[in-house]
């Protein structure tokens, strides 16, 4: 569905992706063990981002287990709000700090790279 994003973003494990262009949301099946409320919060956060800003939002864990946020856009998308994107990411990090810290702890608890 998202062209092998589970392995991509170089040496990382993708948690979720929201795509405004295809109007799709993806949660890596490795994280289905998270509580339903947490999965729903991640989905709402990601989909809301793409509804408001556009583009593609990717939440992924780097090789050190840090949860990172990446945004992408089609080159031809003149409506994509790049400044709003940066501000919204900062707002997400501030408003969901506890969630992100808990997800990092959850991730570091398991050996995700060898699964």
N, C-alpha and C. Protein backbone atom coordinates (compact mmCIF):
# COMPACT_ATOMS: atom_id res chain seq x y z
N UNK A 1 0.82 -1.19 0.00
CA UNK A 1 0.00 0.00 0.00
C UNK A 1 0.86 1.26 0.00
N UNK A 2 1.95 1.29 0.75
CA UNK A 2 2.81 2.47 0.82
C UNK A 2 4.21 2.16 0.35
N UNK A 3 4.34 1.30 -0.64
CA UNK A 3 5.63 1.01 -1.27
C UNK A 3 6.74 0.68 -0.28
N UNK A 4 6.52 -0.33 0.52
CA UNK A 4 7.55 -0.85 1.43
C UNK A 4 8.05 0.17 2.44
N UNK A 5 7.17 1.03 2.93
CA UNK A 5 7.56 2.01 3.94
C UNK A 5 7.94 1.37 5.25
N UNK A 6 7.48 0.13 5.49
CA UNK A 6 7.81 -0.53 6.75
C UNK A 6 9.32 -0.62 6.92
N UNK A 7 10.05 -0.80 5.85
CA UNK A 7 11.50 -0.91 5.94
C UNK A 7 12.18 0.42 5.67
N UNK A 8 11.52 1.33 5.02
CA UNK A 8 12.19 2.55 4.60
C UNK A 8 12.12 3.65 5.63
N UNK A 9 12.82 4.59 5.42
CA UNK A 9 13.28 5.76 6.12
C UNK A 9 14.59 5.31 6.79
N UNK A 10 15.37 4.60 5.98
CA UNK A 10 16.74 4.18 6.27
C UNK A 10 16.97 3.75 7.70
N UNK A 11 17.18 2.48 7.90
CA UNK A 11 17.48 1.90 9.21
C UNK A 11 16.43 2.24 10.27
N UNK A 12 15.18 2.13 9.91
CA UNK A 12 14.13 2.50 10.85
C UNK A 12 12.97 1.51 10.78
N UNK A 13 12.06 1.66 11.72
CA UNK A 13 10.82 0.90 11.73
C UNK A 13 9.67 1.90 11.73
N UNK A 14 8.85 1.84 10.69
CA UNK A 14 7.72 2.75 10.57
C UNK A 14 6.62 2.35 11.55
N UNK A 15 6.13 3.31 12.29
CA UNK A 15 4.99 3.10 13.19
C UNK A 15 3.69 3.31 12.42
N UNK A 16 3.55 4.48 11.77
CA UNK A 16 2.32 4.76 11.04
C UNK A 16 2.57 5.79 9.95
N UNK A 17 1.64 5.80 9.00
CA UNK A 17 1.70 6.73 7.87
C UNK A 17 0.28 7.20 7.58
N UNK A 18 0.14 8.49 7.35
CA UNK A 18 -1.12 9.05 6.87
C UNK A 18 -0.82 9.77 5.57
N UNK A 19 -1.66 9.56 4.57
CA UNK A 19 -1.42 10.10 3.24
C UNK A 19 -2.65 10.88 2.79
N UNK A 20 -2.51 12.20 2.65
CA UNK A 20 -3.63 13.04 2.24
C UNK A 20 -3.99 12.83 0.78
N UNK A 21 -3.03 12.42 -0.04
CA UNK A 21 -3.27 12.26 -1.47
C UNK A 21 -4.15 11.05 -1.76
N UNK A 22 -3.88 9.95 -1.07
CA UNK A 22 -4.66 8.74 -1.29
C UNK A 22 -5.74 8.56 -0.24
N UNK A 23 -5.74 9.44 0.76
CA UNK A 23 -6.68 9.39 1.87
C UNK A 23 -6.62 8.02 2.57
N UNK A 24 -5.39 7.59 2.85
CA UNK A 24 -5.17 6.31 3.51
C UNK A 24 -4.38 6.51 4.79
N UNK A 25 -4.58 5.56 5.70
CA UNK A 25 -3.84 5.52 6.95
C UNK A 25 -3.30 4.12 7.12
N UNK A 26 -2.07 4.02 7.62
CA UNK A 26 -1.42 2.72 7.82
C UNK A 26 -0.83 2.68 9.21
N UNK A 27 -1.10 1.60 9.93
CA UNK A 27 -0.44 1.33 11.20
C UNK A 27 0.30 0.01 11.01
N UNK A 28 1.59 0.03 11.27
CA UNK A 28 2.42 -1.16 11.14
C UNK A 28 1.82 -2.26 12.02
N UNK A 29 1.60 -3.42 11.44
CA UNK A 29 0.97 -4.52 12.17
C UNK A 29 1.78 -4.97 13.38
N UNK A 30 3.06 -4.64 13.41
CA UNK A 30 3.87 -4.98 14.58
C UNK A 30 3.39 -4.27 15.84
N UNK A 31 2.63 -3.20 15.66
CA UNK A 31 2.18 -2.40 16.80
C UNK A 31 0.71 -2.63 17.15
N UNK A 32 0.14 -3.70 16.64
CA UNK A 32 -1.25 -4.01 16.97
C UNK A 32 -1.42 -4.41 18.44
N UNK A 33 -0.32 -4.68 19.12
CA UNK A 33 -0.36 -5.01 20.54
C UNK A 33 -0.53 -3.79 21.43
N UNK A 34 -0.42 -2.60 20.85
CA UNK A 34 -0.68 -1.38 21.63
C UNK A 34 -2.15 -1.33 22.03
N UNK A 35 -2.46 -0.73 23.16
CA UNK A 35 -3.87 -0.60 23.54
C UNK A 35 -4.67 0.14 22.45
N UNK A 36 -5.92 -0.25 22.30
CA UNK A 36 -6.80 0.34 21.28
C UNK A 36 -6.84 1.86 21.38
N UNK A 37 -6.91 2.39 22.60
CA UNK A 37 -6.98 3.85 22.78
C UNK A 37 -5.72 4.53 22.26
N UNK A 38 -4.57 3.91 22.42
CA UNK A 38 -3.30 4.47 21.93
C UNK A 38 -3.29 4.43 20.41
N UNK A 39 -3.71 3.30 19.83
CA UNK A 39 -3.76 3.18 18.37
C UNK A 39 -4.70 4.23 17.78
N UNK A 40 -5.83 4.44 18.44
CA UNK A 40 -6.78 5.44 17.96
C UNK A 40 -6.21 6.85 18.08
N UNK A 41 -5.50 7.14 19.16
CA UNK A 41 -4.91 8.46 19.34
C UNK A 41 -3.87 8.74 18.25
N UNK A 42 -3.06 7.74 17.93
CA UNK A 42 -2.07 7.89 16.86
C UNK A 42 -2.78 8.16 15.54
N UNK A 43 -3.83 7.39 15.25
CA UNK A 43 -4.55 7.56 14.00
C UNK A 43 -5.19 8.95 13.91
N UNK A 44 -5.84 9.38 14.95
CA UNK A 44 -6.48 10.70 14.95
C UNK A 44 -5.44 11.79 14.73
N UNK A 45 -4.32 11.69 15.44
CA UNK A 45 -3.26 12.68 15.33
C UNK A 45 -2.72 12.75 13.89
N UNK A 46 -2.45 11.60 13.29
CA UNK A 46 -1.87 11.56 11.96
C UNK A 46 -2.86 12.02 10.88
N UNK A 47 -4.07 11.52 10.97
CA UNK A 47 -5.08 11.88 9.96
C UNK A 47 -5.44 13.36 10.07
N UNK A 48 -5.55 13.86 11.29
CA UNK A 48 -5.83 15.29 11.48
C UNK A 48 -4.74 16.14 10.86
N UNK A 49 -3.50 15.72 11.05
CA UNK A 49 -2.38 16.45 10.45
C UNK A 49 -2.54 16.55 8.94
N UNK A 50 -2.78 15.41 8.29
CA UNK A 50 -2.86 15.43 6.82
C UNK A 50 -4.12 16.13 6.33
N UNK A 51 -5.18 16.10 7.11
CA UNK A 51 -6.40 16.84 6.72
C UNK A 51 -6.14 18.34 6.76
N UNK A 52 -5.41 18.80 7.77
CA UNK A 52 -5.15 20.23 7.94
C UNK A 52 -4.01 20.75 7.06
N UNK A 53 -2.96 19.96 6.92
CA UNK A 53 -1.74 20.42 6.26
C UNK A 53 -1.59 19.85 4.86
N UNK A 54 -2.00 18.60 4.69
CA UNK A 54 -1.81 17.91 3.42
C UNK A 54 -0.56 17.07 3.46
N UNK A 55 -0.20 16.51 2.33
CA UNK A 55 1.02 15.72 2.22
C UNK A 55 0.93 14.36 2.87
N UNK A 56 2.09 13.86 3.26
CA UNK A 56 2.21 12.54 3.88
C UNK A 56 2.95 12.72 5.20
N UNK A 57 2.44 12.10 6.24
CA UNK A 57 3.05 12.14 7.56
C UNK A 57 3.51 10.74 7.92
N UNK A 58 4.77 10.61 8.33
CA UNK A 58 5.33 9.31 8.70
C UNK A 58 5.87 9.40 10.12
N UNK A 59 5.43 8.49 10.98
CA UNK A 59 6.00 8.34 12.32
C UNK A 59 6.86 7.09 12.29
N UNK A 60 8.12 7.21 12.69
CA UNK A 60 9.01 6.05 12.64
C UNK A 60 10.04 6.12 13.75
N UNK A 61 10.59 4.96 14.05
CA UNK A 61 11.64 4.83 15.06
C UNK A 61 12.98 4.70 14.35
N UNK A 62 13.95 5.51 14.78
CA UNK A 62 15.29 5.40 14.19
C UNK A 62 16.04 4.25 14.85
N UNK A 63 17.29 4.06 14.47
CA UNK A 63 18.08 2.93 14.98
C UNK A 63 18.32 2.98 16.48
N UNK A 64 18.17 4.17 17.08
CA UNK A 64 18.34 4.31 18.53
C UNK A 64 17.02 4.22 19.29
N UNK A 65 15.92 4.00 18.57
CA UNK A 65 14.62 3.87 19.21
C UNK A 65 13.92 5.20 19.45
N UNK A 66 14.44 6.27 18.85
CA UNK A 66 13.79 7.57 19.00
C UNK A 66 12.66 7.68 17.99
N UNK A 67 11.49 8.14 18.44
CA UNK A 67 10.35 8.31 17.55
C UNK A 67 10.49 9.64 16.83
N UNK A 68 10.49 9.57 15.50
CA UNK A 68 10.67 10.75 14.67
C UNK A 68 9.46 10.97 13.78
N UNK A 69 9.30 12.20 13.33
CA UNK A 69 8.21 12.56 12.45
C UNK A 69 8.80 13.11 11.16
N UNK A 70 8.33 12.59 10.04
CA UNK A 70 8.76 13.09 8.74
C UNK A 70 7.53 13.44 7.93
N UNK A 71 7.63 14.54 7.21
CA UNK A 71 6.56 14.91 6.28
C UNK A 71 7.11 14.90 4.87
N UNK A 72 6.26 14.53 3.94
CA UNK A 72 6.63 14.51 2.53
C UNK A 72 5.49 15.14 1.74
N UNK A 73 5.84 15.62 0.58
CA UNK A 73 4.83 16.21 -0.29
C UNK A 73 5.17 15.93 -1.74
N UNK A 74 4.16 15.88 -2.57
CA UNK A 74 4.38 15.80 -4.01
C UNK A 74 4.95 17.13 -4.47
N UNK A 75 5.90 17.09 -5.38
CA UNK A 75 6.52 18.32 -5.88
C UNK A 75 5.51 19.26 -6.51
N UNK A 76 4.46 18.71 -7.06
CA UNK A 76 3.45 19.51 -7.75
C UNK A 76 2.35 20.03 -6.83
N UNK A 77 2.42 19.73 -5.58
CA UNK A 77 1.36 20.14 -4.64
C UNK A 77 1.60 21.59 -4.20
N UNK A 78 0.94 22.51 -4.86
CA UNK A 78 1.12 23.93 -4.54
C UNK A 78 0.32 24.35 -3.32
N UNK A 79 -0.58 23.51 -2.85
CA UNK A 79 -1.40 23.84 -1.68
C UNK A 79 -0.77 23.38 -0.37
N UNK A 80 0.28 22.58 -0.44
CA UNK A 80 0.93 22.08 0.78
C UNK A 80 1.53 23.25 1.56
N UNK A 81 1.24 23.26 2.85
CA UNK A 81 1.66 24.35 3.72
C UNK A 81 2.94 23.94 4.47
N UNK A 82 4.10 24.27 3.91
CA UNK A 82 5.37 23.84 4.50
C UNK A 82 5.62 24.49 5.87
N UNK A 83 5.34 25.76 6.00
CA UNK A 83 5.52 26.45 7.29
C UNK A 83 4.53 25.90 8.30
N UNK A 84 3.28 25.73 7.88
CA UNK A 84 2.26 25.15 8.76
C UNK A 84 2.63 23.73 9.18
N UNK A 85 3.29 23.01 8.27
CA UNK A 85 3.72 21.65 8.57
C UNK A 85 4.70 21.64 9.73
N UNK A 86 5.70 22.50 9.67
CA UNK A 86 6.69 22.56 10.75
C UNK A 86 6.05 22.96 12.07
N UNK A 87 5.16 23.93 12.01
CA UNK A 87 4.48 24.38 13.23
C UNK A 87 3.59 23.28 13.80
N UNK A 88 2.90 22.55 12.93
CA UNK A 88 2.01 21.47 13.38
C UNK A 88 2.82 20.32 13.99
N UNK A 89 3.98 20.01 13.41
CA UNK A 89 4.83 18.96 13.98
C UNK A 89 5.28 19.37 15.37
N UNK A 90 5.70 20.61 15.52
CA UNK A 90 6.12 21.11 16.85
C UNK A 90 4.97 21.03 17.84
N UNK A 91 3.78 21.40 17.40
CA UNK A 91 2.60 21.33 18.26
C UNK A 91 2.30 19.88 18.65
N UNK A 92 2.42 18.96 17.70
CA UNK A 92 2.20 17.54 18.00
C UNK A 92 3.19 17.05 19.05
N UNK A 93 4.46 17.43 18.88
CA UNK A 93 5.49 17.00 19.84
C UNK A 93 5.20 17.56 21.23
N UNK A 94 4.74 18.79 21.29
CA UNK A 94 4.42 19.41 22.59
C UNK A 94 3.18 18.79 23.22
N UNK A 95 2.12 18.64 22.42
CA UNK A 95 0.84 18.17 22.95
C UNK A 95 0.81 16.68 23.26
N UNK A 96 1.67 15.93 22.61
CA UNK A 96 1.65 14.47 22.77
C UNK A 96 2.98 13.94 23.30
N UNK A 97 3.68 14.76 24.05
CA UNK A 97 4.99 14.38 24.58
C UNK A 97 4.93 13.07 25.37
N UNK A 98 3.94 12.94 26.25
CA UNK A 98 3.82 11.71 27.05
C UNK A 98 3.59 10.49 26.17
N UNK A 99 2.74 10.64 25.16
CA UNK A 99 2.47 9.53 24.24
C UNK A 99 3.75 9.12 23.51
N UNK A 100 4.49 10.10 22.98
CA UNK A 100 5.72 9.79 22.26
C UNK A 100 6.76 9.12 23.16
N UNK A 101 6.88 9.61 24.39
CA UNK A 101 7.83 8.99 25.32
C UNK A 101 7.42 7.56 25.65
N UNK A 102 6.12 7.33 25.82
CA UNK A 102 5.63 5.98 26.11
C UNK A 102 5.85 5.05 24.92
N UNK A 103 5.64 5.55 23.71
CA UNK A 103 5.87 4.74 22.51
C UNK A 103 7.34 4.39 22.36
N UNK A 104 8.22 5.32 22.67
CA UNK A 104 9.66 5.04 22.62
C UNK A 104 10.03 3.96 23.63
N UNK A 105 9.48 4.04 24.82
CA UNK A 105 9.75 3.03 25.85
C UNK A 105 9.23 1.67 25.40
N UNK A 106 8.02 1.65 24.84
CA UNK A 106 7.43 0.41 24.32
C UNK A 106 8.33 -0.18 23.24
N UNK A 107 8.78 0.66 22.33
CA UNK A 107 9.64 0.22 21.24
C UNK A 107 10.96 -0.36 21.75
N UNK A 108 11.57 0.34 22.69
CA UNK A 108 12.87 -0.08 23.21
C UNK A 108 12.78 -1.35 24.06
N UNK A 109 11.59 -1.67 24.52
CA UNK A 109 11.38 -2.86 25.33
C UNK A 109 11.53 -4.13 24.49
N UNK A 110 11.25 -4.02 23.20
CA UNK A 110 11.31 -5.18 22.31
C UNK A 110 12.45 -4.99 21.30
N UNK A 111 12.92 -6.10 20.76
CA UNK A 111 13.96 -6.06 19.74
C UNK A 111 13.27 -6.02 18.37
N UNK A 112 12.79 -4.85 17.98
CA UNK A 112 11.97 -4.70 16.78
C UNK A 112 12.74 -4.95 15.50
N UNK A 113 14.02 -4.70 15.48
CA UNK A 113 14.78 -4.87 14.23
C UNK A 113 14.89 -6.33 13.81
N UNK A 114 14.82 -7.22 14.78
CA UNK A 114 14.98 -8.64 14.45
C UNK A 114 13.65 -9.38 14.40
N UNK A 115 12.57 -8.65 14.35
CA UNK A 115 11.25 -9.29 14.28
C UNK A 115 10.82 -9.45 12.84
